[in-house]
Amino acid sequence: MKIARNRYLTTDQIEQATQLMLGRPGESSRKGFTVAQYRDVAGIGRNLAVDLVEFLDRIGVTTRRGDLRVLVQADDGVSS
């Protein structure tokens, strides 16, 4: 699947990226996370982290609030 102009990932890779965000629900869904925090947790480079997070914004998994990304649906079913 195309996630950026020159970057493709498999559906499994995208699912793994999403699960890394969901793996920290108390922290990431309520307070949000930066691209740098995601990069460190995922153990990937900055450019890939930016591409992944922007892709997840586009498909509605996360939303950008300033420098933070917040999961669209928090644990209680209400957007934070």
PDB file of N, CA and C in Angstrom:
ATOM      1  N   MET A   1       0.849  -1.165   0.000  1.00  0.00           N
ATOM      2  CA  MET A   1       0.000   0.000   0.000  1.00  0.00           C
ATOM      3  C   MET A   1       0.902   1.237   0.000  1.00  0.00           C
ATOM      4  N   LYS A   2       0.515   2.218  -0.775  1.00  0.00           N
ATOM      5  CA  LYS A   2       1.298   3.440  -0.885  1.00  0.00           C
ATOM      6  C   LYS A   2       0.965   4.355   0.300  1.00  0.00           C
ATOM      7  N   ILE A   3       1.990   4.698   1.109  1.00  0.00           N
ATOM      8  CA  ILE A   3       1.751   5.587   2.242  1.00  0.00           C
ATOM      9  C   ILE A   3       2.314   6.987   2.019  1.00  0.00           C
ATOM     10  N   ALA A   4       3.203   7.114   1.054  1.00  0.00           N
ATOM     11  CA  ALA A   4       3.784   8.409   0.704  1.00  0.00           C
ATOM     12  C   ALA A   4       4.174   8.348  -0.769  1.00  0.00           C
ATOM     13  N   ARG A   5       4.597   9.473  -1.288  1.00  0.00           N
ATOM     14  CA  ARG A   5       4.902   9.552  -2.718  1.00  0.00           C
ATOM     15  C   ARG A   5       5.848   8.442  -3.178  1.00  0.00           C
ATOM     16  N   ASN A   6       6.852   8.148  -2.389  1.00  0.00           N
ATOM     17  CA  ASN A   6       7.846   7.153  -2.796  1.00  0.00           C
ATOM     18  C   ASN A   6       8.025   6.044  -1.761  1.00  0.00           C
ATOM     19  N   ARG A   7       6.977   5.752  -0.984  1.00  0.00           N
ATOM     20  CA  ARG A   7       7.115   4.727   0.059  1.00  0.00           C
ATOM     21  C   ARG A   7       5.880   3.828   0.079  1.00  0.00           C
ATOM     22  N   TYR A   8       6.154   2.531   0.104  1.00  0.00           N
ATOM     23  CA  TYR A   8       5.096   1.516   0.133  1.00  0.00           C
ATOM     24  C   TYR A   8       5.335   0.589   1.313  1.00  0.00           C
ATOM     25  N   LEU A   9       4.256   0.166   1.960  1.00  0.00           N
ATOM     26  CA  LEU A   9       4.333  -0.814   3.036  1.00  0.00           C
ATOM     27  C   LEU A   9       3.237  -1.856   2.826  1.00  0.00           C
ATOM     28  N   THR A  10       3.469  -3.025   3.377  1.00  0.00           N
ATOM     29  CA  THR A  10       2.442  -4.062   3.313  1.00  0.00           C
ATOM     30  C   THR A  10       1.355  -3.750   4.337  1.00  0.00           C
ATOM     31  N   THR A  11       0.217  -4.373   4.173  1.00  0.00           N
ATOM     32  CA  THR A  11      -0.875  -4.205   5.128  1.00  0.00           C
ATOM     33  C   THR A  11      -0.437  -4.645   6.513  1.00  0.00           C
ATOM     34  N   ASP A  12       0.344  -5.718   6.603  1.00  0.00           N
ATOM     35  CA  ASP A  12       0.842  -6.195   7.899  1.00  0.00           C
ATOM     36  C   ASP A  12       1.744  -5.158   8.562  1.00  0.00           C
ATOM     37  N   GLN A  13       2.598  -4.501   7.795  1.00  0.00           N
ATOM     38  CA  GLN A  13       3.479  -3.477   8.352  1.00  0.00           C
ATOM     39  C   GLN A  13       2.672  -2.291   8.871  1.00  0.00           C
ATOM     40  N   ILE A  14       1.631  -1.922   8.155  1.00  0.00           N
ATOM     41  CA  ILE A  14       0.774  -0.820   8.599  1.00  0.00           C
ATOM     42  C   ILE A  14       0.030  -1.218   9.865  1.00  0.00           C
ATOM     43  N   GLU A  15      -0.439  -2.443   9.927  1.00  0.00           N
ATOM     44  CA  GLU A  15      -1.121  -2.941  11.127  1.00  0.00           C
ATOM     45  C   GLU A  15      -0.174  -2.929  12.328  1.00  0.00           C
ATOM     46  N   GLN A  16       1.063  -3.347  12.139  1.00  0.00           N
ATOM     47  CA  GLN A  16       2.053  -3.321  13.222  1.00  0.00           C
ATOM     48  C   GLN A  16       2.304  -1.897  13.695  1.00  0.00           C
ATOM     49  N   ALA A  17       2.383  -0.965  12.767  1.00  0.00           N
ATOM     50  CA  ALA A  17       2.592   0.446  13.114  1.00  0.00           C
ATOM     51  C   ALA A  17       1.426   0.967  13.949  1.00  0.00           C
ATOM     52  N   THR A  18       0.223   0.586  13.568  1.00  0.00           N
ATOM     53  CA  THR A  18      -0.965   1.014  14.297  1.00  0.00           C
ATOM     54  C   THR A  18      -0.976   0.401  15.686  1.00  0.00           C
ATOM     55  N   GLN A  19      -0.619  -0.861  15.797  1.00  0.00           N
ATOM     56  CA  GLN A  19      -0.622  -1.536  17.093  1.00  0.00           C
ATOM     57  C   GLN A  19       0.384  -0.912  18.063  1.00  0.00           C
ATOM     58  N   LEU A  20       1.485  -0.390  17.553  1.00  0.00           N
ATOM     59  CA  LEU A  20       2.445   0.296  18.427  1.00  0.00           C
ATOM     60  C   LEU A  20       1.798   1.506  19.088  1.00  0.00           C
ATOM     61  N   MET A  21       0.949   2.199  18.370  1.00  0.00           N
ATOM     62  CA  MET A  21       0.242   3.349  18.947  1.00  0.00           C
ATOM     63  C   MET A  21      -0.800   2.891  19.953  1.00  0.00           C
ATOM     64  N   LEU A  22      -1.501   1.835  19.617  1.00  0.00           N
ATOM     65  CA  LEU A  22      -2.559   1.335  20.489  1.00  0.00           C
ATOM     66  C   LEU A  22      -1.998   0.642  21.722  1.00  0.00           C
ATOM     67  N   GLY A  23      -0.736   0.234  21.669  1.00  0.00           N
ATOM     68  CA  GLY A  23      -0.108  -0.468  22.783  1.00  0.00           C
ATOM     69  C   GLY A  23       0.121   0.398  24.002  1.00  0.00           C
ATOM     70  N   ARG A  24      -0.013   1.718  23.837  1.00  0.00           N
ATOM     71  CA  ARG A  24       0.168   2.654  24.948  1.00  0.00           C
ATOM     72  C   ARG A  24      -1.110   3.477  25.114  1.00  0.00           C
ATOM     73  N   PRO A  25      -2.256   2.820  25.320  1.00  0.00           N
ATOM     74  CA  PRO A  25      -3.526   3.549  25.280  1.00  0.00           C
ATOM     75  C   PRO A  25      -3.661   4.661  26.294  1.00  0.00           C
ATOM     76  N   GLY A  26      -3.252   4.469  27.529  1.00  0.00           N
ATOM     77  CA  GLY A  26      -3.404   5.508  28.533  1.00  0.00           C
ATOM     78  C   GLY A  26      -2.606   6.744  28.189  1.00  0.00           C
ATOM     79  N   GLU A  27      -1.445   6.551  27.627  1.00  0.00           N
ATOM     80  CA  GLU A  27      -0.562   7.662  27.299  1.00  0.00           C
ATOM     81  C   GLU A  27      -0.906   8.280  25.953  1.00  0.00           C
ATOM     82  N   SER A  28      -0.979   7.459  24.909  1.00  0.00           N
ATOM     83  CA  SER A  28      -1.119   8.014  23.571  1.00  0.00           C
ATOM     84  C   SER A  28      -2.526   8.495  23.247  1.00  0.00           C
ATOM     85  N   SER A  29      -3.546   7.829  23.733  1.00  0.00           N
ATOM     86  CA  SER A  29      -4.894   8.230  23.335  1.00  0.00           C
ATOM     87  C   SER A  29      -5.357   9.490  24.047  1.00  0.00           C
ATOM     88  N   ARG A  30      -4.898   9.700  25.267  1.00  0.00           N
ATOM     89  CA  ARG A  30      -5.372  10.866  26.016  1.00  0.00           C
ATOM     90  C   ARG A  30      -4.469  12.072  25.851  1.00  0.00           C
ATOM     91  N   LYS A  31      -3.176  11.876  25.949  1.00  0.00           N
ATOM     92  CA  LYS A  31      -2.247  13.001  25.899  1.00  0.00           C
ATOM     93  C   LYS A  31      -1.668  13.221  24.516  1.00  0.00           C
ATOM     94  N   GLY A  32      -1.637  12.200  23.707  1.00  0.00           N
ATOM     95  CA  GLY A  32      -1.046  12.296  22.391  1.00  0.00           C
ATOM     96  C   GLY A  32       0.427  11.938  22.411  1.00  0.00           C
ATOM     97  N   PHE A  33       1.031  11.936  21.260  1.00  0.00           N
ATOM     98  CA  PHE A  33       2.445  11.601  21.140  1.00  0.00           C
ATOM     99  C   PHE A  33       3.014  12.372  19.967  1.00  0.00           C
ATOM    100  N   THR A  34       4.308  12.604  20.025  1.00  0.00           N
ATOM    101  CA  THR A  34       4.989  13.296  18.933  1.00  0.00           C
ATOM    102  C   THR A  34       5.529  12.271  17.950  1.00  0.00           C
ATOM    103  N   VAL A  35       5.910  12.746  16.792  1.00  0.00           N
ATOM    104  CA  VAL A  35       6.531  11.861  15.806  1.00  0.00           C
ATOM    105  C   VAL A  35       7.824  11.292  16.384  1.00  0.00           C
ATOM    106  N   ALA A  36       8.581  12.111  17.105  1.00  0.00           N
ATOM    107  CA  ALA A  36       9.840  11.648  17.700  1.00  0.00           C
ATOM    108  C   ALA A  36       9.596  10.532  18.709  1.00  0.00           C
ATOM    109  N   GLN A  37       8.546  10.655  19.521  1.00  0.00           N
ATOM    110  CA  GLN A  37       8.223   9.592  20.473  1.00  0.00           C
ATOM    111  C   GLN A  37       7.845   8.315  19.737  1.00  0.00           C
ATOM    112  N   TYR A  38       7.057   8.451  18.686  1.00  0.00           N
ATOM    113  CA  TYR A  38       6.680   7.274  17.898  1.00  0.00           C
ATOM    114  C   TYR A  38       7.902   6.643  17.258  1.00  0.00           C
ATOM    115  N   ARG A  39       8.775   7.470  16.698  1.00  0.00           N
ATOM    116  CA  ARG A  39      10.013   6.978  16.077  1.00  0.00           C
ATOM    117  C   ARG A  39      10.813   6.149  17.071  1.00  0.00           C
ATOM    118  N   ASP A  40      10.956   6.645  18.297  1.00  0.00           N
ATOM    119  CA  ASP A  40      11.743   5.940  19.307  1.00  0.00           C
ATOM    120  C   ASP A  40      11.097   4.621  19.714  1.00  0.00           C
ATOM    121  N   VAL A  41       9.776   4.628  19.896  1.00  0.00           N
ATOM    122  CA  VAL A  41       9.069   3.403  20.278  1.00  0.00           C
ATOM    123  C   VAL A  41       9.137   2.365  19.157  1.00  0.00           C
ATOM    124  N   ALA A  42       8.976   2.833  17.919  1.00  0.00           N
ATOM    125  CA  ALA A  42       8.967   1.924  16.772  1.00  0.00           C
ATOM    126  C   ALA A  42      10.369   1.483  16.366  1.00  0.00           C
ATOM    127  N   GLY A  43      11.385   2.253  16.759  1.00  0.00           N
ATOM    128  CA  GLY A  43      12.753   1.904  16.381  1.00  0.00           C
ATOM    129  C   GLY A  43      13.001   2.093  14.892  1.00  0.00           C
ATOM    130  N   ILE A  44      12.400   3.138  14.319  1.00  0.00           N
ATOM    131  CA  ILE A  44      12.547   3.408  12.892  1.00  0.00           C
ATOM    132  C   ILE A  44      13.144   4.793  12.696  1.00  0.00           C
ATOM    133  N   GLY A  45      13.488   5.118  11.475  1.00  0.00           N
ATOM    134  CA  GLY A  45      14.049   6.423  11.165  1.00  0.00           C
ATOM    135  C   GLY A  45      12.995   7.512  11.149  1.00  0.00           C
ATOM    136  N   ARG A  46      13.460   8.757  11.235  1.00  0.00           N
ATOM    137  CA  ARG A  46      12.562   9.900  11.287  1.00  0.00           C
ATOM    138  C   ARG A  46      11.672  10.009  10.048  1.00  0.00           C
ATOM    139  N   ASN A  47      12.254   9.857   8.863  1.00  0.00           N
ATOM    140  CA  ASN A  47      11.467  10.009   7.633  1.00  0.00           C
ATOM    141  C   ASN A  47      10.350   8.978   7.541  1.00  0.00           C
ATOM    142  N   LEU A  48      10.641   7.734   7.886  1.00  0.00           N
ATOM    143  CA  LEU A  48       9.604   6.704   7.874  1.00  0.00           C
ATOM    144  C   LEU A  48       8.547   7.006   8.927  1.00  0.00           C
ATOM    145  N   ALA A  49       8.966   7.449  10.095  1.00  0.00           N
ATOM    146  CA  ALA A  49       8.013   7.774  11.155  1.00  0.00           C
ATOM    147  C   ALA A  49       7.060   8.883  10.701  1.00  0.00           C
ATOM    148  N   VAL A  50       7.593   9.924  10.069  1.00  0.00           N
ATOM    149  CA  VAL A  50       6.759  11.018   9.568  1.00  0.00           C
ATOM    150  C   VAL A  50       5.771  10.493   8.534  1.00  0.00           C
ATOM    151  N   ASP A  51       6.263   9.699   7.581  1.00  0.00           N
ATOM    152  CA  ASP A  51       5.379   9.147   6.548  1.00  0.00           C
ATOM    153  C   ASP A  51       4.268   8.297   7.154  1.00  0.00           C
ATOM    154  N   LEU A  52       4.616   7.446   8.115  1.00  0.00           N
ATOM    155  CA  LEU A  52       3.620   6.578   8.744  1.00  0.00           C
ATOM    156  C   LEU A  52       2.578   7.367   9.518  1.00  0.00           C
ATOM    157  N   VAL A  53       3.022   8.307  10.318  1.00  0.00           N
ATOM    158  CA  VAL A  53       2.082   9.075  11.133  1.00  0.00           C
ATOM    159  C   VAL A  53       1.177   9.933  10.256  1.00  0.00           C
ATOM    160  N   GLU A  54       1.729  10.540   9.218  1.00  0.00           N
ATOM    161  CA  GLU A  54       0.893  11.327   8.307  1.00  0.00           C
ATOM    162  C   GLU A  54      -0.105  10.443   7.565  1.00  0.00           C
ATOM    163  N   PHE A  55       0.305   9.233   7.202  1.00  0.00           N
ATOM    164  CA  PHE A  55      -0.614   8.286   6.563  1.00  0.00           C
ATOM    165  C   PHE A  55      -1.748   7.924   7.522  1.00  0.00           C
ATOM    166  N   LEU A  56      -1.409   7.643   8.779  1.00  0.00           N
ATOM    167  CA  LEU A  56      -2.431   7.286   9.759  1.00  0.00           C
ATOM    168  C   LEU A  56      -3.366   8.458  10.038  1.00  0.00           C
ATOM    169  N   ASP A  57      -2.858   9.685   9.926  1.00  0.00           N
ATOM    170  CA  ASP A  57      -3.735  10.865  10.003  1.00  0.00           C
ATOM    171  C   ASP A  57      -4.733  10.853   8.843  1.00  0.00           C
ATOM    172  N   ARG A  58      -4.221  10.587   7.639  1.00  0.00           N
ATOM    173  CA  ARG A  58      -5.083  10.623   6.443  1.00  0.00           C
ATOM    174  C   ARG A  58      -6.183   9.569   6.478  1.00  0.00           C
ATOM    175  N   ILE A  59      -5.884   8.395   7.031  1.00  0.00           N
ATOM    176  CA  ILE A  59      -6.896   7.334   7.034  1.00  0.00           C
ATOM    177  C   ILE A  59      -7.767   7.358   8.290  1.00  0.00           C
ATOM    178  N   GLY A  60      -7.527   8.326   9.175  1.00  0.00           N
ATOM    179  CA  GLY A  60      -8.411   8.511  10.313  1.00  0.00           C
ATOM    180  C   GLY A  60      -8.080   7.753  11.573  1.00  0.00           C
ATOM    181  N   VAL A  61      -6.900   7.155  11.662  1.00  0.00           N
ATOM    182  CA  VAL A  61      -6.498   6.465  12.889  1.00  0.00           C
ATOM    183  C   VAL A  61      -6.080   7.485  13.943  1.00  0.00           C
ATOM    184  N   THR A  62      -5.362   8.516  13.503  1.00  0.00           N
ATOM    185  CA  THR A  62      -4.911   9.583  14.393  1.00  0.00           C
ATOM    186  C   THR A  62      -5.344  10.922  13.828  1.00  0.00           C
ATOM    187  N   THR A  63      -5.243  11.928  14.656  1.00  0.00           N
ATOM    188  CA  THR A  63      -5.474  13.291  14.214  1.00  0.00           C
ATOM    189  C   THR A  63      -4.368  14.157  14.797  1.00  0.00           C
ATOM    190  N   ARG A  64      -3.982  15.176  14.060  1.00  0.00           N
ATOM    191  CA  ARG A  64      -2.899  16.044  14.503  1.00  0.00           C
ATOM    192  C   ARG A  64      -3.457  17.215  15.297  1.00  0.00           C
ATOM    193  N   ARG A  65      -2.838  17.455  16.440  1.00  0.00           N
ATOM    194  CA  ARG A  65      -3.169  18.609  17.281  1.00  0.00           C
ATOM    195  C   ARG A  65      -1.858  19.279  17.651  1.00  0.00           C
ATOM    196  N   GLY A  66      -1.493  20.266  16.863  1.00  0.00           N
ATOM    197  CA  GLY A  66      -0.189  20.910  17.056  1.00  0.00           C
ATOM    198  C   GLY A  66       0.902  19.931  16.684  1.00  0.00           C
ATOM    199  N   ASP A  67       1.833  19.701  17.603  1.00  0.00           N
ATOM    200  CA  ASP A  67       2.908  18.746  17.370  1.00  0.00           C
ATOM    201  C   ASP A  67       2.538  17.329  17.800  1.00  0.00           C
ATOM    202  N   LEU A  68       1.356  17.160  18.362  1.00  0.00           N
ATOM    203  CA  LEU A  68       0.943  15.850  18.877  1.00  0.00           C
ATOM    204  C   LEU A  68       0.009  15.148  17.909  1.00  0.00           C
ATOM    205  N   ARG A  69       0.045  13.819  17.966  1.00  0.00           N
ATOM    206  CA  ARG A  69      -0.941  12.981  17.291  1.00  0.00           C
ATOM    207  C   ARG A  69      -1.759  12.321  18.380  1.00  0.00           C
ATOM    208  N   VAL A  70      -3.064  12.306  18.196  1.00  0.00           N
ATOM    209  CA  VAL A  70      -3.974  11.711  19.161  1.00  0.00           C
ATOM    210  C   VAL A  70      -4.790  10.668  18.440  1.00  0.00           C
ATOM    211  N   LEU A  71      -4.991   9.517  19.080  1.00  0.00           N
ATOM    212  CA  LEU A  71      -5.843   8.487  18.502  1.00  0.00           C
ATOM    213  C   LEU A  71      -7.250   9.060  18.360  1.00  0.00           C
ATOM    214  N   VAL A  72      -7.879   8.790  17.240  1.00  0.00           N
ATOM    215  CA  VAL A  72      -9.199   9.350  16.969  1.00  0.00           C
ATOM    216  C   VAL A  72     -10.219   8.837  17.966  1.00  0.00           C
ATOM    217  N   GLN A  73     -10.155   7.573  18.332  1.00  0.00           N
ATOM    218  CA  GLN A  73     -11.100   7.023  19.297  1.00  0.00           C
ATOM    219  C   GLN A  73     -10.341   6.581  20.526  1.00  0.00           C
ATOM    220  N   ALA A  74     -10.599   7.215  21.651  1.00  0.00           N
ATOM    221  CA  ALA A  74      -9.978   6.839  22.921  1.00  0.00           C
ATOM    222  C   ALA A  74     -10.633   5.575  23.439  1.00  0.00           C
ATOM    223  N   ASP A  75     -10.093   5.038  24.531  1.00  0.00           N
ATOM    224  CA  ASP A  75     -10.587   3.778  25.110  1.00  0.00           C
ATOM    225  C   ASP A  75     -12.068   3.826  25.436  1.00  0.00           C
ATOM    226  N   ASP A  76     -12.572   4.980  25.860  1.00  0.00           N
ATOM    227  CA  ASP A  76     -13.973   5.069  26.246  1.00  0.00           C
ATOM    228  C   ASP A  76     -14.891   5.370  25.081  1.00  0.00           C
ATOM    229  N   GLY A  77     -14.338   5.400  23.863  1.00  0.00           N
ATOM    230  CA  GLY A  77     -15.158   5.618  22.698  1.00  0.00           C
ATOM    231  C   GLY A  77     -15.394   7.074  22.371  1.00  0.00           C
ATOM    232  N   VAL A  78     -14.796   7.967  23.134  1.00  0.00           N
ATOM    233  CA  VAL A  78     -14.959   9.392  22.917  1.00  0.00           C
ATOM    234  C   VAL A  78     -13.635   9.976  22.477  1.00  0.00           C
ATOM    235  N   SER A  79     -13.656  10.775  21.425  1.00  0.00           N
ATOM    236  CA  SER A  79     -12.419  11.408  20.986  1.00  0.00           C
ATOM    237  C   SER A  79     -11.911  12.311  22.078  1.00  0.00           C
ATOM    238  N   SER A  80     -10.598  12.323  22.258  1.00  0.00           N
ATOM    239  CA  SER A  80     -10.030  13.171  23.303  1.00  0.00           C
ATOM    240  C   SER A  80      -9.638  14.519  22.763  1.00  0.00           C
TER     241      SER A  80
END
